[in-house]
Amino acid sequence: MQFMNAGSLDFFAGCDVPELVLARITKSIVAGLKFLKDELRIMHRGASPSLPLVFLLRLSATAS
């Protein structure tokens, strides 16, 4: 089990997340679900905003 420091995607509902970021997240999720269905014949029927988990990478301002 992995620890995701930002929790689930629904935590960001109502936040000012740029549309391009949301579009990229959505595209990645749909591509993953399509791969599961087309290549592995697995259908995920419980997709919801609380399922995708988010990990925020914080870069140090002093990193060289």
PDB file of N, CA and C in Angstrom:
ATOM      1  N   MET A   1       0.846  -1.167   0.000  1.00  0.00           N
ATOM      2  CA  MET A   1       0.000   0.000   0.000  1.00  0.00           C
ATOM      3  C   MET A   1       0.897   1.237   0.000  1.00  0.00           C
ATOM      4  N   GLN A   2       0.539   2.228  -0.802  1.00  0.00           N
ATOM      5  CA  GLN A   2       1.326   3.442  -0.903  1.00  0.00           C
ATOM      6  C   GLN A   2       0.642   4.600  -0.193  1.00  0.00           C
ATOM      7  N   PHE A   3       1.447   5.476   0.367  1.00  0.00           N
ATOM      8  CA  PHE A   3       0.930   6.688   1.006  1.00  0.00           C
ATOM      9  C   PHE A   3       0.878   7.800  -0.021  1.00  0.00           C
ATOM     10  N   MET A   4      -0.275   8.417  -0.170  1.00  0.00           N
ATOM     11  CA  MET A   4      -0.436   9.543  -1.085  1.00  0.00           C
ATOM     12  C   MET A   4      -0.697  10.776  -0.230  1.00  0.00           C
ATOM     13  N   ASN A   5       0.225  11.709  -0.250  1.00  0.00           N
ATOM     14  CA  ASN A   5       0.214  12.815   0.699  1.00  0.00           C
ATOM     15  C   ASN A   5      -0.896  13.844   0.486  1.00  0.00           C
ATOM     16  N   ALA A   6      -1.606  13.802  -0.643  1.00  0.00           N
ATOM     17  CA  ALA A   6      -2.664  14.787  -0.877  1.00  0.00           C
ATOM     18  C   ALA A   6      -4.056  14.165  -0.827  1.00  0.00           C
ATOM     19  N   GLY A   7      -4.145  12.903  -0.499  1.00  0.00           N
ATOM     20  CA  GLY A   7      -5.454  12.260  -0.404  1.00  0.00           C
ATOM     21  C   GLY A   7      -6.061  11.956  -1.765  1.00  0.00           C
ATOM     22  N   SER A   8      -7.384  12.017  -1.844  1.00  0.00           N
ATOM     23  CA  SER A   8      -8.059  11.667  -3.095  1.00  0.00           C
ATOM     24  C   SER A   8      -8.360  12.917  -3.916  1.00  0.00           C
ATOM     25  N   LEU A   9      -8.714  12.693  -5.175  1.00  0.00           N
ATOM     26  CA  LEU A   9      -8.960  13.787  -6.108  1.00  0.00           C
ATOM     27  C   LEU A   9     -10.126  14.666  -5.681  1.00  0.00           C
ATOM     28  N   ASP A  10     -11.107  14.111  -4.990  1.00  0.00           N
ATOM     29  CA  ASP A  10     -12.261  14.922  -4.582  1.00  0.00           C
ATOM     30  C   ASP A  10     -11.888  15.985  -3.539  1.00  0.00           C
ATOM     31  N   PHE A  11     -10.716  15.845  -2.915  1.00  0.00           N
ATOM     32  CA  PHE A  11     -10.230  16.859  -1.982  1.00  0.00           C
ATOM     33  C   PHE A  11     -10.053  18.209  -2.692  1.00  0.00           C
ATOM     34  N   PHE A  12      -9.762  18.187  -3.998  1.00  0.00           N
ATOM     35  CA  PHE A  12      -9.492  19.396  -4.755  1.00  0.00           C
ATOM     36  C   PHE A  12     -10.740  20.014  -5.379  1.00  0.00           C
ATOM     37  N   ALA A  13     -11.915  19.446  -5.125  1.00  0.00           N
ATOM     38  CA  ALA A  13     -13.159  20.008  -5.658  1.00  0.00           C
ATOM     39  C   ALA A  13     -13.359  21.408  -5.101  1.00  0.00           C
ATOM     40  N   GLY A  14     -13.627  22.342  -5.981  1.00  0.00           N
ATOM     41  CA  GLY A  14     -13.834  23.719  -5.569  1.00  0.00           C
ATOM     42  C   GLY A  14     -12.565  24.527  -5.438  1.00  0.00           C
ATOM     43  N   CYS A  15     -11.410  23.886  -5.590  1.00  0.00           N
ATOM     44  CA  CYS A  15     -10.140  24.613  -5.557  1.00  0.00           C
ATOM     45  C   CYS A  15      -9.867  25.199  -6.934  1.00  0.00           C
ATOM     46  N   ASP A  16      -8.956  26.123  -6.985  1.00  0.00           N
ATOM     47  CA  ASP A  16      -8.626  26.785  -8.239  1.00  0.00           C
ATOM     48  C   ASP A  16      -7.539  26.007  -8.977  1.00  0.00           C
ATOM     49  N   VAL A  17      -7.889  24.813  -9.450  1.00  0.00           N
ATOM     50  CA  VAL A  17      -6.961  23.982 -10.212  1.00  0.00           C
ATOM     51  C   VAL A  17      -7.092  24.367 -11.689  1.00  0.00           C
ATOM     52  N   PRO A  18      -5.967  24.654 -12.358  1.00  0.00           N
ATOM     53  CA  PRO A  18      -6.034  25.047 -13.765  1.00  0.00           C
ATOM     54  C   PRO A  18      -6.707  23.980 -14.635  1.00  0.00           C
ATOM     55  N   GLU A  19      -7.453  24.437 -15.618  1.00  0.00           N
ATOM     56  CA  GLU A  19      -8.194  23.535 -16.502  1.00  0.00           C
ATOM     57  C   GLU A  19      -7.267  22.569 -17.234  1.00  0.00           C
ATOM     58  N   LEU A  20      -6.081  23.016 -17.620  1.00  0.00           N
ATOM     59  CA  LEU A  20      -5.143  22.131 -18.315  1.00  0.00           C
ATOM     60  C   LEU A  20      -4.680  20.982 -17.415  1.00  0.00           C
ATOM     61  N   VAL A  21      -4.531  21.254 -16.128  1.00  0.00           N
ATOM     62  CA  VAL A  21      -4.144  20.199 -15.178  1.00  0.00           C
ATOM     63  C   VAL A  21      -5.271  19.186 -15.048  1.00  0.00           C
ATOM     64  N   LEU A  22      -6.504  19.675 -14.901  1.00  0.00           N
ATOM     65  CA  LEU A  22      -7.654  18.774 -14.812  1.00  0.00           C
ATOM     66  C   LEU A  22      -7.818  17.952 -16.087  1.00  0.00           C
ATOM     67  N   ALA A  23      -7.582  18.581 -17.238  1.00  0.00           N
ATOM     68  CA  ALA A  23      -7.688  17.867 -18.513  1.00  0.00           C
ATOM     69  C   ALA A  23      -6.651  16.753 -18.601  1.00  0.00           C
ATOM     70  N   ARG A  24      -5.439  17.022 -18.152  1.00  0.00           N
ATOM     71  CA  ARG A  24      -4.388  15.996 -18.201  1.00  0.00           C
ATOM     72  C   ARG A  24      -4.698  14.832 -17.256  1.00  0.00           C
ATOM     73  N   ILE A  25      -5.181  15.141 -16.070  1.00  0.00           N
ATOM     74  CA  ILE A  25      -5.561  14.098 -15.118  1.00  0.00           C
ATOM     75  C   ILE A  25      -6.679  13.236 -15.704  1.00  0.00           C
ATOM     76  N   THR A  26      -7.705  13.896 -16.257  1.00  0.00           N
ATOM     77  CA  THR A  26      -8.843  13.179 -16.836  1.00  0.00           C
ATOM     78  C   THR A  26      -8.402  12.296 -17.996  1.00  0.00           C
ATOM     79  N   LYS A  27      -7.558  12.829 -18.861  1.00  0.00           N
ATOM     80  CA  LYS A  27      -7.073  12.058 -20.012  1.00  0.00           C
ATOM     81  C   LYS A  27      -6.297  10.819 -19.552  1.00  0.00           C
ATOM     82  N   SER A  28      -5.473  10.967 -18.535  1.00  0.00           N
ATOM     83  CA  SER A  28      -4.697   9.841 -18.021  1.00  0.00           C
ATOM     84  C   SER A  28      -5.586   8.764 -17.410  1.00  0.00           C
ATOM     85  N   ILE A  29      -6.601   9.186 -16.663  1.00  0.00           N
ATOM     86  CA  ILE A  29      -7.521   8.227 -16.048  1.00  0.00           C
ATOM     87  C   ILE A  29      -8.302   7.467 -17.124  1.00  0.00           C
ATOM     88  N   VAL A  30      -8.812   8.197 -18.118  1.00  0.00           N
ATOM     89  CA  VAL A  30      -9.576   7.557 -19.194  1.00  0.00           C
ATOM     90  C   VAL A  30      -8.687   6.609 -19.987  1.00  0.00           C
ATOM     91  N   ALA A  31      -7.443   6.994 -20.256  1.00  0.00           N
ATOM     92  CA  ALA A  31      -6.516   6.114 -20.980  1.00  0.00           C
ATOM     93  C   ALA A  31      -6.256   4.834 -20.183  1.00  0.00           C
ATOM     94  N   GLY A  32      -6.108   4.965 -18.875  1.00  0.00           N
ATOM     95  CA  GLY A  32      -5.903   3.783 -18.037  1.00  0.00           C
ATOM     96  C   GLY A  32      -7.111   2.859 -18.026  1.00  0.00           C
ATOM     97  N   LEU A  33      -8.304   3.437 -17.921  1.00  0.00           N
ATOM     98  CA  LEU A  33      -9.528   2.630 -17.942  1.00  0.00           C
ATOM     99  C   LEU A  33      -9.714   1.957 -19.302  1.00  0.00           C
ATOM    100  N   LYS A  34      -9.375   2.666 -20.379  1.00  0.00           N
ATOM    101  CA  LYS A  34      -9.481   2.102 -21.725  1.00  0.00           C
ATOM    102  C   LYS A  34      -8.511   0.933 -21.891  1.00  0.00           C
ATOM    103  N   PHE A  35      -7.291   1.085 -21.377  1.00  0.00           N
ATOM    104  CA  PHE A  35      -6.312   0.001 -21.440  1.00  0.00           C
ATOM    105  C   PHE A  35      -6.821  -1.233 -20.690  1.00  0.00           C
ATOM    106  N   LEU A  36      -7.347  -1.011 -19.486  1.00  0.00           N
ATOM    107  CA  LEU A  36      -7.882  -2.139 -18.717  1.00  0.00           C
ATOM    108  C   LEU A  36      -8.959  -2.878 -19.494  1.00  0.00           C
ATOM    109  N   LYS A  37      -9.857  -2.120 -20.123  1.00  0.00           N
ATOM    110  CA  LYS A  37     -10.969  -2.734 -20.849  1.00  0.00           C
ATOM    111  C   LYS A  37     -10.510  -3.408 -22.139  1.00  0.00           C
ATOM    112  N   ASP A  38      -9.742  -2.675 -22.955  1.00  0.00           N
ATOM    113  CA  ASP A  38      -9.369  -3.184 -24.277  1.00  0.00           C
ATOM    114  C   ASP A  38      -8.299  -4.273 -24.236  1.00  0.00           C
ATOM    115  N   GLU A  39      -7.294  -4.090 -23.418  1.00  0.00           N
ATOM    116  CA  GLU A  39      -6.154  -5.009 -23.412  1.00  0.00           C
ATOM    117  C   GLU A  39      -6.290  -6.145 -22.399  1.00  0.00           C
ATOM    118  N   LEU A  40      -6.845  -5.846 -21.245  1.00  0.00           N
ATOM    119  CA  LEU A  40      -6.904  -6.856 -20.179  1.00  0.00           C
ATOM    120  C   LEU A  40      -8.302  -7.401 -19.945  1.00  0.00           C
ATOM    121  N   ARG A  41      -9.277  -6.826 -20.657  1.00  0.00           N
ATOM    122  CA  ARG A  41     -10.674  -7.244 -20.536  1.00  0.00           C
ATOM    123  C   ARG A  41     -11.178  -7.141 -19.094  1.00  0.00           C
ATOM    124  N   ILE A  42     -10.798  -6.043 -18.465  1.00  0.00           N
ATOM    125  CA  ILE A  42     -11.238  -5.746 -17.096  1.00  0.00           C
ATOM    126  C   ILE A  42     -12.053  -4.467 -17.150  1.00  0.00           C
ATOM    127  N   MET A  43     -13.253  -4.510 -16.611  1.00  0.00           N
ATOM    128  CA  MET A  43     -14.122  -3.335 -16.610  1.00  0.00           C
ATOM    129  C   MET A  43     -14.207  -2.781 -15.203  1.00  0.00           C
ATOM    130  N   HIS A  44     -13.797  -1.539 -15.034  1.00  0.00           N
ATOM    131  CA  HIS A  44     -13.899  -0.882 -13.731  1.00  0.00           C
ATOM    132  C   HIS A  44     -15.225  -0.145 -13.696  1.00  0.00           C
ATOM    133  N   ARG A  45     -16.104  -0.538 -12.788  1.00  0.00           N
ATOM    134  CA  ARG A  45     -17.451   0.038 -12.767  1.00  0.00           C
ATOM    135  C   ARG A  45     -17.671   1.042 -11.653  1.00  0.00           C
ATOM    136  N   GLY A  46     -16.671   1.267 -10.825  1.00  0.00           N
ATOM    137  CA  GLY A  46     -16.888   2.141  -9.675  1.00  0.00           C
ATOM    138  C   GLY A  46     -16.072   3.413  -9.709  1.00  0.00           C
ATOM    139  N   ALA A  47     -15.843   3.983 -10.877  1.00  0.00           N
ATOM    140  CA  ALA A  47     -15.033   5.202 -10.958  1.00  0.00           C
ATOM    141  C   ALA A  47     -15.759   6.379 -10.302  1.00  0.00           C
ATOM    142  N   SER A  48     -15.053   7.081  -9.441  1.00  0.00           N
ATOM    143  CA  SER A  48     -15.608   8.262  -8.783  1.00  0.00           C
ATOM    144  C   SER A  48     -14.452   9.191  -8.408  1.00  0.00           C
ATOM    145  N   PRO A  49     -14.722  10.453  -8.131  1.00  0.00           N
ATOM    146  CA  PRO A  49     -13.640  11.389  -7.785  1.00  0.00           C
ATOM    147  C   PRO A  49     -12.882  11.019  -6.513  1.00  0.00           C
ATOM    148  N   SER A  50     -13.447  10.158  -5.687  1.00  0.00           N
ATOM    149  CA  SER A  50     -12.752   9.791  -4.453  1.00  0.00           C
ATOM    150  C   SER A  50     -11.744   8.664  -4.665  1.00  0.00           C
ATOM    151  N   LEU A  51     -11.733   8.040  -5.830  1.00  0.00           N
ATOM    152  CA  LEU A  51     -10.819   6.922  -6.065  1.00  0.00           C
ATOM    153  C   LEU A  51      -9.418   7.322  -6.511  1.00  0.00           C
ATOM    154  N   PRO A  52      -9.254   8.250  -7.470  1.00  0.00           N
ATOM    155  CA  PRO A  52      -7.875   8.604  -7.835  1.00  0.00           C
ATOM    156  C   PRO A  52      -7.174   9.271  -6.663  1.00  0.00           C
ATOM    157  N   LEU A  53      -6.002   8.756  -6.316  1.00  0.00           N
ATOM    158  CA  LEU A  53      -5.228   9.320  -5.221  1.00  0.00           C
ATOM    159  C   LEU A  53      -4.160  10.249  -5.778  1.00  0.00           C
ATOM    160  N   VAL A  54      -3.823  11.276  -5.022  1.00  0.00           N
ATOM    161  CA  VAL A  54      -2.929  12.328  -5.502  1.00  0.00           C
ATOM    162  C   VAL A  54      -1.682  12.380  -4.628  1.00  0.00           C
ATOM    163  N   PHE A  55      -0.536  12.473  -5.281  1.00  0.00           N
ATOM    164  CA  PHE A  55       0.730  12.672  -4.592  1.00  0.00           C
ATOM    165  C   PHE A  55       1.299  14.005  -5.048  1.00  0.00           C
ATOM    166  N   LEU A  56       1.529  14.911  -4.109  1.00  0.00           N
ATOM    167  CA  LEU A  56       2.093  16.230  -4.443  1.00  0.00           C
ATOM    168  C   LEU A  56       3.593  16.189  -4.207  1.00  0.00           C
ATOM    169  N   LEU A  57       4.325  16.509  -5.251  1.00  0.00           N
ATOM    170  CA  LEU A  57       5.777  16.562  -5.169  1.00  0.00           C
ATOM    171  C   LEU A  57       6.176  18.000  -4.901  1.00  0.00           C
ATOM    172  N   ARG A  58       6.838  18.212  -3.799  1.00  0.00           N
ATOM    173  CA  ARG A  58       7.278  19.565  -3.444  1.00  0.00           C
ATOM    174  C   ARG A  58       8.785  19.650  -3.678  1.00  0.00           C
ATOM    175  N   LEU A  59       9.152  20.556  -4.572  1.00  0.00           N
ATOM    176  CA  LEU A  59      10.577  20.749  -4.867  1.00  0.00           C
ATOM    177  C   LEU A  59      11.143  21.848  -3.985  1.00  0.00           C
ATOM    178  N   SER A  60      12.329  21.624  -3.504  1.00  0.00           N
ATOM    179  CA  SER A  60      12.987  22.622  -2.666  1.00  0.00           C
ATOM    180  C   SER A  60      13.432  23.803  -3.521  1.00  0.00           C
ATOM    181  N   ALA A  61      13.267  25.000  -3.007  1.00  0.00           N
ATOM    182  CA  ALA A  61      13.691  26.205  -3.736  1.00  0.00           C
ATOM    183  C   ALA A  61      15.219  26.292  -3.816  1.00  0.00           C
ATOM    184  N   THR A  62      15.918  25.567  -2.959  1.00  0.00           N
ATOM    185  CA  THR A  62      17.386  25.623  -2.954  1.00  0.00           C
ATOM    186  C   THR A  62      18.016  24.455  -3.683  1.00  0.00           C
ATOM    187  N   ALA A  63      17.196  23.637  -4.352  1.00  0.00           N
ATOM    188  CA  ALA A  63      17.739  22.481  -5.074  1.00  0.00           C
ATOM    189  C   ALA A  63      18.627  22.949  -6.212  1.00  0.00           C
ATOM    190  N   SER A  64      19.775  22.282  -6.359  1.00  0.00           N
ATOM    191  CA  SER A  64      20.680  22.686  -7.448  1.00  0.00           C
ATOM    192  C   SER A  64      20.783  21.641  -8.516  1.00  0.00           C
TER     193      SER A  64
END
